[in-house]
Amino acid sequence: MSAVGQTDSISGAGNGVPPVTKANNNQFLTFLMGEQEYGVDILRVQEIRGWEQTTEIPNSPVHIKGVINLRGTIVPIVDLREKFALESLEYGPLTVVIVLKVLHENGERIMGIVVDAVSDVYQIQEDEIKSPPQLGDGGSTDFIVGLADISNKMVIFLDIDGLLCTEDIPEMGDAVSQVNDHS
C-alpha cells in the first residue's frame, strides 16, 4: 500500500465525481471481476454483504438482478459482470454485494453491486492514478476515474455515479409496490 497523497485532488476527475482528496485518505475498496481488479472510493461503501436472493422487478434491464430490503430501504442490485458484458458466472460463496451511496442530480441513492469477490483496501497517492485512455468511437471510459499499477497489476478505479446512472435504473420503490399489489 502507498502513502497518502500530498495534494488535494486528482486533476481531470470531472463528471461530478468527488475528487480523491486528503479528507478521504485516498482509500479505495477493491474487488475482483474475473482476473481484473476494480476500485471504488471507500467513503461511498455503506456495507459489504454476502449474496442473497433478490426480488426480481419485471421489465428491468438484464443487469438489474432485483432489489433487497436493507433495513427499510429498497436497494437495487446491479450485476457488474452483466453491466460490463462479461461472461456470467454462477454466484458462489465468495460472491458479494457491495452496498454503495450513489450521487445523482436528485440527491443520493443506495445501490448494490454484485462482484466476484472483495480484494483489498489501498491508499493511493494522487500521482499514482493515471487518466483512462480514450478508446475512440468504439468504447467509453466515462465511468473510469483512473488506473493505477499496484503490486504489478493494473487496478481500474470506477466513477460509481456515472456507472450506476439512474437513467437505466428506475425508481425501484414504485416497481416493488406494483409487484406487491399484484401478489
N, C-alpha and C. Protein backbone atom coordinates (compact mmCIF):
# COMPACT_ATOMS: atom_id res chain seq x y z
N MET A 1 0.83 -1.17 0.00
CA MET A 1 0.00 0.00 0.00
C MET A 1 0.87 1.23 0.00
N SER A 2 0.34 2.29 -0.55
CA SER A 2 1.09 3.52 -0.70
C SER A 2 0.72 4.51 0.37
N ALA A 3 1.54 5.52 0.49
CA ALA A 3 1.25 6.59 1.43
C ALA A 3 0.18 7.50 0.87
N VAL A 4 -0.41 8.28 1.75
CA VAL A 4 -1.44 9.22 1.35
C VAL A 4 -0.83 10.33 0.53
N GLY A 5 -1.55 10.74 -0.54
CA GLY A 5 -1.08 11.81 -1.41
C GLY A 5 -0.99 13.13 -0.68
N GLN A 6 -0.17 14.03 -1.20
CA GLN A 6 0.07 15.30 -0.55
C GLN A 6 -0.77 16.43 -1.12
N THR A 7 -1.40 16.24 -2.26
CA THR A 7 -2.18 17.32 -2.85
C THR A 7 -3.65 17.07 -2.61
N ASP A 8 -4.46 18.04 -2.98
CA ASP A 8 -5.86 17.98 -2.59
C ASP A 8 -6.78 17.24 -3.55
N SER A 9 -6.48 17.13 -4.82
CA SER A 9 -7.40 16.42 -5.69
C SER A 9 -6.69 15.92 -6.94
N ILE A 10 -7.34 14.97 -7.58
CA ILE A 10 -6.83 14.45 -8.84
C ILE A 10 -7.37 15.32 -9.95
N SER A 11 -6.49 15.85 -10.76
CA SER A 11 -6.97 16.66 -11.87
C SER A 11 -7.64 15.76 -12.88
N GLY A 12 -8.69 16.27 -13.49
CA GLY A 12 -9.37 15.50 -14.52
C GLY A 12 -10.42 14.56 -14.00
N ALA A 13 -10.64 14.48 -12.71
CA ALA A 13 -11.68 13.60 -12.20
C ALA A 13 -13.00 14.36 -12.21
N GLY A 14 -13.45 14.70 -13.40
CA GLY A 14 -14.64 15.53 -13.57
C GLY A 14 -15.91 14.74 -13.52
N ASN A 15 -16.89 15.15 -14.29
CA ASN A 15 -18.18 14.49 -14.38
C ASN A 15 -18.91 14.43 -13.05
N GLY A 16 -18.69 15.43 -12.18
CA GLY A 16 -19.38 15.45 -10.91
C GLY A 16 -18.84 14.45 -9.91
N VAL A 17 -17.74 13.80 -10.22
CA VAL A 17 -17.14 12.82 -9.33
C VAL A 17 -16.38 13.56 -8.25
N PRO A 18 -16.65 13.24 -6.98
CA PRO A 18 -15.85 13.88 -5.95
C PRO A 18 -14.39 13.53 -6.16
N PRO A 19 -13.49 14.52 -6.12
CA PRO A 19 -12.09 14.23 -6.34
C PRO A 19 -11.52 13.40 -5.20
N VAL A 20 -10.44 12.70 -5.49
CA VAL A 20 -9.73 11.98 -4.45
C VAL A 20 -9.01 13.05 -3.64
N THR A 21 -9.25 13.07 -2.34
CA THR A 21 -8.68 14.12 -1.50
C THR A 21 -8.02 13.55 -0.26
N LYS A 22 -7.27 14.42 0.40
CA LYS A 22 -6.68 14.03 1.67
C LYS A 22 -7.77 13.73 2.69
N ALA A 23 -8.92 14.37 2.55
CA ALA A 23 -10.00 14.16 3.51
C ALA A 23 -10.45 12.70 3.55
N ASN A 24 -10.40 12.00 2.42
CA ASN A 24 -10.80 10.59 2.46
C ASN A 24 -9.60 9.65 2.47
N ASN A 25 -8.43 10.21 2.73
CA ASN A 25 -7.20 9.42 2.83
C ASN A 25 -6.87 8.65 1.57
N ASN A 26 -7.48 9.02 0.44
CA ASN A 26 -7.21 8.35 -0.83
C ASN A 26 -7.38 6.84 -0.72
N GLN A 27 -8.36 6.39 0.02
CA GLN A 27 -8.56 4.96 0.21
C GLN A 27 -9.63 4.44 -0.74
N PHE A 28 -9.34 3.27 -1.30
CA PHE A 28 -10.23 2.61 -2.23
C PHE A 28 -10.44 1.17 -1.81
N LEU A 29 -11.69 0.73 -1.84
CA LEU A 29 -12.00 -0.68 -1.67
C LEU A 29 -11.89 -1.30 -3.05
N THR A 30 -11.15 -2.39 -3.16
CA THR A 30 -11.03 -3.04 -4.47
C THR A 30 -11.74 -4.39 -4.43
N PHE A 31 -12.17 -4.80 -5.62
CA PHE A 31 -12.88 -6.06 -5.76
C PHE A 31 -12.51 -6.67 -7.09
N LEU A 32 -12.79 -7.96 -7.23
CA LEU A 32 -12.44 -8.70 -8.43
C LEU A 32 -13.65 -9.00 -9.28
N MET A 33 -13.41 -8.91 -10.59
CA MET A 33 -14.35 -9.37 -11.61
C MET A 33 -13.48 -10.19 -12.55
N GLY A 34 -13.51 -11.51 -12.39
CA GLY A 34 -12.58 -12.36 -13.13
C GLY A 34 -11.18 -12.09 -12.61
N GLU A 35 -10.26 -11.86 -13.51
CA GLU A 35 -8.87 -11.58 -13.14
C GLU A 35 -8.61 -10.09 -12.94
N GLN A 36 -9.59 -9.23 -13.29
CA GLN A 36 -9.39 -7.79 -13.21
C GLN A 36 -9.81 -7.25 -11.85
N GLU A 37 -9.02 -6.33 -11.32
CA GLU A 37 -9.33 -5.69 -10.04
C GLU A 37 -9.83 -4.27 -10.30
N TYR A 38 -10.92 -3.92 -9.61
CA TYR A 38 -11.55 -2.60 -9.72
C TYR A 38 -11.59 -1.98 -8.33
N GLY A 39 -11.69 -0.65 -8.29
CA GLY A 39 -11.77 0.02 -7.00
C GLY A 39 -12.81 1.11 -6.98
N VAL A 40 -13.36 1.36 -5.79
CA VAL A 40 -14.30 2.45 -5.56
C VAL A 40 -13.87 3.20 -4.31
N ASP A 41 -14.21 4.48 -4.26
CA ASP A 41 -13.91 5.31 -3.10
C ASP A 41 -14.51 4.67 -1.85
N ILE A 42 -13.69 4.43 -0.86
CA ILE A 42 -14.16 3.71 0.33
C ILE A 42 -15.22 4.49 1.09
N LEU A 43 -15.24 5.81 0.96
CA LEU A 43 -16.25 6.60 1.66
C LEU A 43 -17.65 6.41 1.07
N ARG A 44 -17.75 5.83 -0.12
CA ARG A 44 -19.05 5.55 -0.74
C ARG A 44 -19.59 4.19 -0.32
N VAL A 45 -18.75 3.35 0.28
CA VAL A 45 -19.15 1.99 0.65
C VAL A 45 -19.95 2.06 1.95
N GLN A 46 -21.19 1.56 1.89
CA GLN A 46 -22.05 1.51 3.08
C GLN A 46 -21.85 0.21 3.84
N GLU A 47 -21.76 -0.90 3.11
CA GLU A 47 -21.51 -2.20 3.72
C GLU A 47 -21.22 -3.22 2.64
N ILE A 48 -20.70 -4.36 3.08
CA ILE A 48 -20.40 -5.49 2.20
C ILE A 48 -21.20 -6.67 2.73
N ARG A 49 -21.97 -7.30 1.85
CA ARG A 49 -22.85 -8.39 2.24
C ARG A 49 -22.61 -9.61 1.36
N GLY A 50 -22.86 -10.77 1.89
CA GLY A 50 -22.86 -11.97 1.06
C GLY A 50 -24.04 -11.92 0.11
N TRP A 51 -23.94 -12.67 -0.98
CA TRP A 51 -25.03 -12.70 -1.95
C TRP A 51 -26.28 -13.28 -1.29
N GLU A 52 -27.42 -12.67 -1.55
CA GLU A 52 -28.71 -13.18 -1.12
C GLU A 52 -29.69 -13.00 -2.27
N GLN A 53 -30.70 -13.81 -2.27
CA GLN A 53 -31.70 -13.74 -3.33
C GLN A 53 -32.37 -12.38 -3.34
N THR A 54 -32.65 -11.86 -4.52
CA THR A 54 -33.31 -10.56 -4.66
C THR A 54 -34.76 -10.76 -5.09
N THR A 55 -35.54 -9.71 -4.96
CA THR A 55 -36.89 -9.68 -5.53
C THR A 55 -36.75 -9.12 -6.93
N GLU A 56 -37.06 -9.95 -7.93
CA GLU A 56 -36.92 -9.50 -9.31
C GLU A 56 -38.01 -8.50 -9.66
N ILE A 57 -37.62 -7.51 -10.47
CA ILE A 57 -38.54 -6.48 -10.91
C ILE A 57 -38.82 -6.69 -12.41
N PRO A 58 -40.09 -6.89 -12.78
CA PRO A 58 -40.42 -7.11 -14.20
C PRO A 58 -39.97 -5.94 -15.07
N ASN A 59 -39.56 -6.27 -16.28
CA ASN A 59 -39.17 -5.29 -17.30
C ASN A 59 -37.96 -4.44 -16.92
N SER A 60 -37.16 -4.88 -15.98
CA SER A 60 -35.95 -4.12 -15.65
C SER A 60 -34.81 -4.58 -16.56
N PRO A 61 -33.79 -3.76 -16.74
CA PRO A 61 -32.66 -4.16 -17.57
C PRO A 61 -32.03 -5.46 -17.05
N VAL A 62 -31.40 -6.21 -17.92
CA VAL A 62 -30.88 -7.53 -17.58
C VAL A 62 -29.82 -7.47 -16.47
N HIS A 63 -29.07 -6.37 -16.38
CA HIS A 63 -28.04 -6.28 -15.35
C HIS A 63 -28.60 -5.92 -13.98
N ILE A 64 -29.88 -5.59 -13.89
CA ILE A 64 -30.53 -5.34 -12.60
C ILE A 64 -31.06 -6.69 -12.10
N LYS A 65 -30.46 -7.20 -11.06
CA LYS A 65 -30.83 -8.52 -10.54
C LYS A 65 -32.11 -8.46 -9.73
N GLY A 66 -32.50 -7.27 -9.30
CA GLY A 66 -33.70 -7.09 -8.50
C GLY A 66 -33.41 -6.12 -7.38
N VAL A 67 -34.14 -6.27 -6.28
CA VAL A 67 -33.97 -5.38 -5.14
C VAL A 67 -33.91 -6.20 -3.85
N ILE A 68 -33.32 -5.61 -2.84
CA ILE A 68 -33.36 -6.18 -1.49
C ILE A 68 -33.89 -5.10 -0.57
N ASN A 69 -34.42 -5.53 0.56
CA ASN A 69 -34.87 -4.61 1.60
C ASN A 69 -33.76 -4.54 2.63
N LEU A 70 -33.11 -3.42 2.70
CA LEU A 70 -31.99 -3.23 3.62
C LEU A 70 -32.43 -2.28 4.73
N ARG A 71 -32.89 -2.84 5.81
CA ARG A 71 -33.36 -2.06 6.96
C ARG A 71 -34.36 -0.98 6.54
N GLY A 72 -35.33 -1.37 5.72
CA GLY A 72 -36.39 -0.47 5.30
C GLY A 72 -36.12 0.31 4.03
N THR A 73 -34.93 0.21 3.48
CA THR A 73 -34.59 0.89 2.23
C THR A 73 -34.58 -0.13 1.10
N ILE A 74 -35.29 0.18 0.02
CA ILE A 74 -35.30 -0.69 -1.16
C ILE A 74 -34.03 -0.39 -1.96
N VAL A 75 -33.18 -1.39 -2.12
CA VAL A 75 -31.87 -1.22 -2.74
C VAL A 75 -31.80 -2.02 -4.04
N PRO A 76 -31.68 -1.32 -5.20
CA PRO A 76 -31.47 -2.04 -6.47
C PRO A 76 -30.11 -2.71 -6.48
N ILE A 77 -30.05 -3.91 -7.03
CA ILE A 77 -28.80 -4.68 -7.10
C ILE A 77 -28.41 -4.85 -8.57
N VAL A 78 -27.20 -4.38 -8.90
CA VAL A 78 -26.68 -4.41 -10.27
C VAL A 78 -25.58 -5.46 -10.34
N ASP A 79 -25.68 -6.37 -11.30
CA ASP A 79 -24.62 -7.34 -11.54
C ASP A 79 -23.60 -6.69 -12.47
N LEU A 80 -22.40 -6.39 -11.93
CA LEU A 80 -21.40 -5.70 -12.75
C LEU A 80 -20.90 -6.55 -13.90
N ARG A 81 -20.89 -7.87 -13.75
CA ARG A 81 -20.48 -8.72 -14.88
C ARG A 81 -21.40 -8.47 -16.07
N GLU A 82 -22.69 -8.43 -15.82
CA GLU A 82 -23.63 -8.19 -16.91
C GLU A 82 -23.57 -6.75 -17.40
N LYS A 83 -23.38 -5.81 -16.50
CA LYS A 83 -23.27 -4.40 -16.89
C LYS A 83 -22.05 -4.21 -17.80
N PHE A 84 -20.96 -4.93 -17.51
CA PHE A 84 -19.73 -4.84 -18.31
C PHE A 84 -19.70 -5.82 -19.47
N ALA A 85 -20.79 -6.55 -19.71
CA ALA A 85 -20.88 -7.54 -20.79
C ALA A 85 -19.80 -8.62 -20.67
N LEU A 86 -19.53 -9.04 -19.43
CA LEU A 86 -18.60 -10.15 -19.18
C LEU A 86 -19.39 -11.45 -19.10
N GLU A 87 -18.68 -12.56 -19.24
CA GLU A 87 -19.32 -13.86 -19.12
C GLU A 87 -19.97 -14.01 -17.75
N SER A 88 -21.21 -14.49 -17.73
CA SER A 88 -21.90 -14.69 -16.46
C SER A 88 -21.32 -15.88 -15.72
N LEU A 89 -21.27 -15.76 -14.41
CA LEU A 89 -20.83 -16.86 -13.56
C LEU A 89 -21.91 -17.15 -12.54
N GLU A 90 -21.96 -18.40 -12.11
CA GLU A 90 -22.88 -18.75 -11.04
C GLU A 90 -22.36 -18.11 -9.75
N TYR A 91 -23.26 -17.54 -8.97
CA TYR A 91 -22.86 -16.94 -7.70
C TYR A 91 -22.39 -18.02 -6.75
N GLY A 92 -21.29 -17.76 -6.04
CA GLY A 92 -20.72 -18.74 -5.13
C GLY A 92 -20.48 -18.14 -3.75
N PRO A 93 -19.74 -18.84 -2.92
CA PRO A 93 -19.51 -18.38 -1.55
C PRO A 93 -18.70 -17.09 -1.44
N LEU A 94 -17.92 -16.76 -2.46
CA LEU A 94 -17.15 -15.52 -2.42
C LEU A 94 -17.89 -14.34 -3.05
N THR A 95 -19.01 -14.62 -3.74
CA THR A 95 -19.79 -13.56 -4.38
C THR A 95 -20.34 -12.63 -3.30
N VAL A 96 -20.14 -11.33 -3.50
CA VAL A 96 -20.61 -10.36 -2.51
C VAL A 96 -21.37 -9.24 -3.20
N VAL A 97 -22.14 -8.54 -2.38
CA VAL A 97 -22.82 -7.32 -2.80
C VAL A 97 -22.17 -6.19 -2.03
N ILE A 98 -21.65 -5.21 -2.75
CA ILE A 98 -21.10 -4.01 -2.13
C ILE A 98 -22.20 -2.96 -2.21
N VAL A 99 -22.66 -2.51 -1.06
CA VAL A 99 -23.72 -1.50 -0.99
C VAL A 99 -23.04 -0.14 -0.98
N LEU A 100 -23.44 0.71 -1.94
CA LEU A 100 -22.79 1.99 -2.17
C LEU A 100 -23.77 3.15 -2.12
N LYS A 101 -23.25 4.32 -1.79
CA LYS A 101 -24.03 5.55 -1.89
C LYS A 101 -23.69 6.17 -3.24
N VAL A 102 -24.72 6.33 -4.09
CA VAL A 102 -24.55 6.87 -5.43
C VAL A 102 -25.20 8.25 -5.47
N LEU A 103 -24.47 9.23 -5.99
CA LEU A 103 -24.99 10.59 -6.11
C LEU A 103 -25.54 10.81 -7.52
N HIS A 104 -26.67 11.49 -7.59
CA HIS A 104 -27.24 11.87 -8.89
C HIS A 104 -27.90 13.23 -8.74
N GLU A 105 -28.45 13.73 -9.82
CA GLU A 105 -28.97 15.10 -9.82
C GLU A 105 -30.07 15.35 -8.80
N ASN A 106 -30.79 14.33 -8.38
CA ASN A 106 -31.87 14.50 -7.41
C ASN A 106 -31.45 14.16 -5.99
N GLY A 107 -30.17 13.96 -5.75
CA GLY A 107 -29.71 13.63 -4.41
C GLY A 107 -28.84 12.40 -4.41
N GLU A 108 -29.13 11.48 -3.51
CA GLU A 108 -28.36 10.26 -3.44
C GLU A 108 -29.29 9.06 -3.39
N ARG A 109 -28.72 7.92 -3.73
CA ARG A 109 -29.46 6.66 -3.74
C ARG A 109 -28.52 5.57 -3.26
N ILE A 110 -29.05 4.63 -2.50
CA ILE A 110 -28.28 3.48 -2.07
C ILE A 110 -28.51 2.38 -3.10
N MET A 111 -27.40 1.81 -3.59
CA MET A 111 -27.46 0.74 -4.59
C MET A 111 -26.43 -0.31 -4.24
N GLY A 112 -26.62 -1.51 -4.76
CA GLY A 112 -25.67 -2.58 -4.54
C GLY A 112 -25.10 -3.07 -5.85
N ILE A 113 -23.84 -3.50 -5.81
CA ILE A 113 -23.23 -4.12 -6.98
C ILE A 113 -22.78 -5.53 -6.61
N VAL A 114 -23.08 -6.48 -7.48
CA VAL A 114 -22.65 -7.86 -7.29
C VAL A 114 -21.28 -8.01 -7.95
N VAL A 115 -20.31 -8.47 -7.17
CA VAL A 115 -18.94 -8.67 -7.67
C VAL A 115 -18.48 -10.07 -7.30
N ASP A 116 -17.42 -10.53 -7.97
CA ASP A 116 -16.93 -11.89 -7.73
C ASP A 116 -16.38 -12.06 -6.31
N ALA A 117 -15.62 -11.07 -5.84
CA ALA A 117 -15.01 -11.15 -4.51
C ALA A 117 -14.43 -9.80 -4.14
N VAL A 118 -14.36 -9.51 -2.85
CA VAL A 118 -13.68 -8.32 -2.37
C VAL A 118 -12.20 -8.63 -2.33
N SER A 119 -11.37 -7.64 -2.67
CA SER A 119 -9.93 -7.87 -2.73
C SER A 119 -9.18 -7.22 -1.57
N ASP A 120 -9.14 -5.88 -1.53
CA ASP A 120 -8.28 -5.20 -0.57
C ASP A 120 -8.73 -3.76 -0.41
N VAL A 121 -8.08 -3.05 0.51
CA VAL A 121 -8.23 -1.60 0.64
C VAL A 121 -6.84 -1.02 0.42
N TYR A 122 -6.76 -0.06 -0.50
CA TYR A 122 -5.47 0.57 -0.82
C TYR A 122 -5.54 2.06 -0.54
N GLN A 123 -4.41 2.60 -0.10
CA GLN A 123 -4.23 4.05 -0.07
C GLN A 123 -3.37 4.37 -1.28
N ILE A 124 -3.86 5.28 -2.11
CA ILE A 124 -3.21 5.58 -3.38
C ILE A 124 -2.82 7.05 -3.40
N GLN A 125 -1.56 7.32 -3.77
CA GLN A 125 -1.14 8.71 -3.94
C GLN A 125 -1.71 9.24 -5.24
N GLU A 126 -1.98 10.53 -5.25
CA GLU A 126 -2.57 11.16 -6.43
C GLU A 126 -1.75 10.90 -7.69
N ASP A 127 -0.44 10.98 -7.59
CA ASP A 127 0.39 10.82 -8.79
C ASP A 127 0.46 9.38 -9.27
N GLU A 128 -0.07 8.43 -8.51
CA GLU A 128 -0.11 7.04 -8.93
C GLU A 128 -1.30 6.74 -9.84
N ILE A 129 -2.31 7.61 -9.82
CA ILE A 129 -3.52 7.38 -10.61
C ILE A 129 -3.39 8.10 -11.94
N LYS A 130 -3.48 7.34 -13.00
CA LYS A 130 -3.35 7.85 -14.36
C LYS A 130 -4.72 7.96 -15.01
N SER A 131 -4.88 8.92 -15.91
CA SER A 131 -6.14 9.09 -16.63
C SER A 131 -6.42 7.88 -17.51
N PRO A 132 -7.70 7.55 -17.69
CA PRO A 132 -8.03 6.42 -18.56
C PRO A 132 -7.74 6.76 -20.02
N PRO A 133 -7.43 5.75 -20.82
CA PRO A 133 -7.18 6.01 -22.24
C PRO A 133 -8.48 6.34 -22.97
N GLN A 134 -8.37 7.09 -24.03
CA GLN A 134 -9.52 7.35 -24.90
C GLN A 134 -9.62 6.20 -25.88
N LEU A 135 -10.80 5.62 -26.00
CA LEU A 135 -10.98 4.43 -26.84
C LEU A 135 -11.57 4.74 -28.20
N GLY A 136 -11.81 5.99 -28.50
CA GLY A 136 -12.38 6.34 -29.80
C GLY A 136 -13.86 6.06 -29.85
N ASP A 137 -14.37 5.84 -31.07
CA ASP A 137 -15.81 5.66 -31.29
C ASP A 137 -16.33 4.34 -30.72
N GLY A 138 -15.48 3.36 -30.55
CA GLY A 138 -15.93 2.03 -30.17
C GLY A 138 -16.20 1.82 -28.71
N GLY A 139 -15.72 2.69 -27.82
CA GLY A 139 -15.92 2.43 -26.41
C GLY A 139 -15.88 3.70 -25.58
N SER A 140 -16.34 3.56 -24.38
CA SER A 140 -16.40 4.70 -23.48
C SER A 140 -15.68 4.39 -22.18
N THR A 141 -14.93 5.37 -21.69
CA THR A 141 -14.27 5.24 -20.39
C THR A 141 -14.83 6.29 -19.42
N ASP A 142 -16.03 6.78 -19.71
CA ASP A 142 -16.64 7.82 -18.88
C ASP A 142 -16.81 7.40 -17.43
N PHE A 143 -16.98 6.10 -17.18
CA PHE A 143 -17.22 5.64 -15.82
C PHE A 143 -15.92 5.27 -15.10
N ILE A 144 -14.78 5.56 -15.70
CA ILE A 144 -13.48 5.26 -15.09
C ILE A 144 -12.84 6.56 -14.62
N VAL A 145 -12.51 6.61 -13.32
CA VAL A 145 -11.83 7.77 -12.75
C VAL A 145 -10.35 7.75 -13.12
N GLY A 146 -9.75 6.57 -13.07
CA GLY A 146 -8.34 6.44 -13.40
C GLY A 146 -7.87 5.01 -13.22
N LEU A 147 -6.58 4.80 -13.51
CA LEU A 147 -5.96 3.49 -13.38
C LEU A 147 -4.65 3.64 -12.62
N ALA A 148 -4.27 2.60 -11.88
CA ALA A 148 -3.00 2.63 -11.16
C ALA A 148 -2.38 1.24 -11.20
N ASP A 149 -1.06 1.21 -11.25
CA ASP A 149 -0.30 -0.03 -11.19
C ASP A 149 0.02 -0.28 -9.72
N ILE A 150 -0.58 -1.33 -9.15
CA ILE A 150 -0.38 -1.67 -7.74
C ILE A 150 0.13 -3.10 -7.68
N SER A 151 1.32 -3.27 -7.12
CA SER A 151 1.92 -4.60 -7.00
C SER A 151 1.93 -5.34 -8.33
N ASN A 152 2.32 -4.64 -9.38
CA ASN A 152 2.43 -5.20 -10.72
C ASN A 152 1.12 -5.67 -11.33
N LYS A 153 0.01 -5.06 -10.90
CA LYS A 153 -1.27 -5.32 -11.53
C LYS A 153 -1.98 -3.99 -11.72
N MET A 154 -2.75 -3.89 -12.80
CA MET A 154 -3.47 -2.67 -13.11
C MET A 154 -4.82 -2.71 -12.40
N VAL A 155 -5.11 -1.66 -11.62
CA VAL A 155 -6.39 -1.53 -10.93
C VAL A 155 -7.15 -0.39 -11.59
N ILE A 156 -8.42 -0.63 -11.90
CA ILE A 156 -9.28 0.37 -12.54
C ILE A 156 -10.18 0.96 -11.46
N PHE A 157 -10.13 2.29 -11.30
CA PHE A 157 -10.96 2.97 -10.31
C PHE A 157 -12.20 3.52 -10.99
N LEU A 158 -13.37 3.16 -10.45
CA LEU A 158 -14.64 3.44 -11.09
C LEU A 158 -15.32 4.69 -10.54
N ASP A 159 -16.00 5.41 -11.42
CA ASP A 159 -16.89 6.51 -11.06
C ASP A 159 -18.26 5.87 -10.89
N ILE A 160 -18.62 5.56 -9.65
CA ILE A 160 -19.87 4.84 -9.43
C ILE A 160 -21.09 5.67 -9.78
N ASP A 161 -20.95 7.01 -9.69
CA ASP A 161 -22.08 7.86 -10.06
C ASP A 161 -22.38 7.75 -11.55
N GLY A 162 -21.34 7.72 -12.38
CA GLY A 162 -21.52 7.57 -13.82
C GLY A 162 -21.89 6.15 -14.21
N LEU A 163 -21.28 5.19 -13.55
CA LEU A 163 -21.52 3.78 -13.85
C LEU A 163 -22.93 3.36 -13.50
N LEU A 164 -23.40 3.80 -12.35
CA LEU A 164 -24.73 3.42 -11.88
C LEU A 164 -25.71 4.57 -12.09
N CYS A 165 -25.67 5.12 -13.31
CA CYS A 165 -26.54 6.24 -13.62
C CYS A 165 -28.00 5.83 -13.46
N THR A 166 -28.81 6.77 -13.10
CA THR A 166 -30.21 6.47 -12.82
C THR A 166 -31.07 6.32 -14.06
N GLU A 167 -30.52 6.62 -15.24
CA GLU A 167 -31.32 6.53 -16.47
C GLU A 167 -31.80 5.11 -16.73
N ASP A 168 -30.93 4.11 -16.44
CA ASP A 168 -31.33 2.74 -16.73
C ASP A 168 -31.77 1.99 -15.48
N ILE A 169 -31.93 2.72 -14.37
CA ILE A 169 -32.37 2.10 -13.13
C ILE A 169 -33.59 2.86 -12.63
N PRO A 170 -34.76 2.31 -12.85
CA PRO A 170 -35.98 3.02 -12.45
C PRO A 170 -36.09 3.15 -10.94
N GLU A 171 -37.02 3.98 -10.51
CA GLU A 171 -37.29 4.09 -9.08
C GLU A 171 -37.87 2.75 -8.63
N MET A 172 -37.07 1.98 -7.93
CA MET A 172 -37.46 0.62 -7.58
C MET A 172 -38.56 0.57 -6.53
N GLY A 173 -38.68 1.57 -5.70
CA GLY A 173 -39.73 1.57 -4.69
C GLY A 173 -41.10 1.46 -5.33
N ASP A 174 -41.33 2.24 -6.39
CA ASP A 174 -42.61 2.19 -7.10
C ASP A 174 -42.83 0.84 -7.76
N ALA A 175 -41.77 0.29 -8.34
CA ALA A 175 -41.89 -1.02 -9.01
C ALA A 175 -42.20 -2.12 -8.00
N VAL A 176 -41.56 -2.07 -6.83
CA VAL A 176 -41.81 -3.09 -5.81
C VAL A 176 -43.25 -3.00 -5.32
N SER A 177 -43.76 -1.77 -5.15
CA SER A 177 -45.14 -1.59 -4.73
C SER A 177 -46.09 -2.22 -5.74
N GLN A 178 -45.81 -2.03 -7.04
CA GLN A 178 -46.66 -2.60 -8.08
C GLN A 178 -46.63 -4.12 -8.03
N VAL A 179 -45.45 -4.70 -7.81
CA VAL A 179 -45.33 -6.16 -7.73
C VAL A 179 -46.12 -6.66 -6.53
N ASN A 180 -45.96 -6.01 -5.37
CA ASN A 180 -46.68 -6.43 -4.17
C ASN A 180 -48.19 -6.29 -4.32
N ASP A 181 -48.65 -5.26 -5.04
CA ASP A 181 -50.08 -5.05 -5.27
C ASP A 181 -50.69 -6.18 -6.09
N HIS A 182 -49.87 -6.77 -6.98
CA HIS A 182 -50.37 -7.83 -7.86
C HIS A 182 -50.22 -9.21 -7.25
N SER A 183 -49.67 -9.29 -6.04
CA SER A 183 -49.45 -10.60 -5.40
C SER A 183 -50.72 -11.11 -4.75
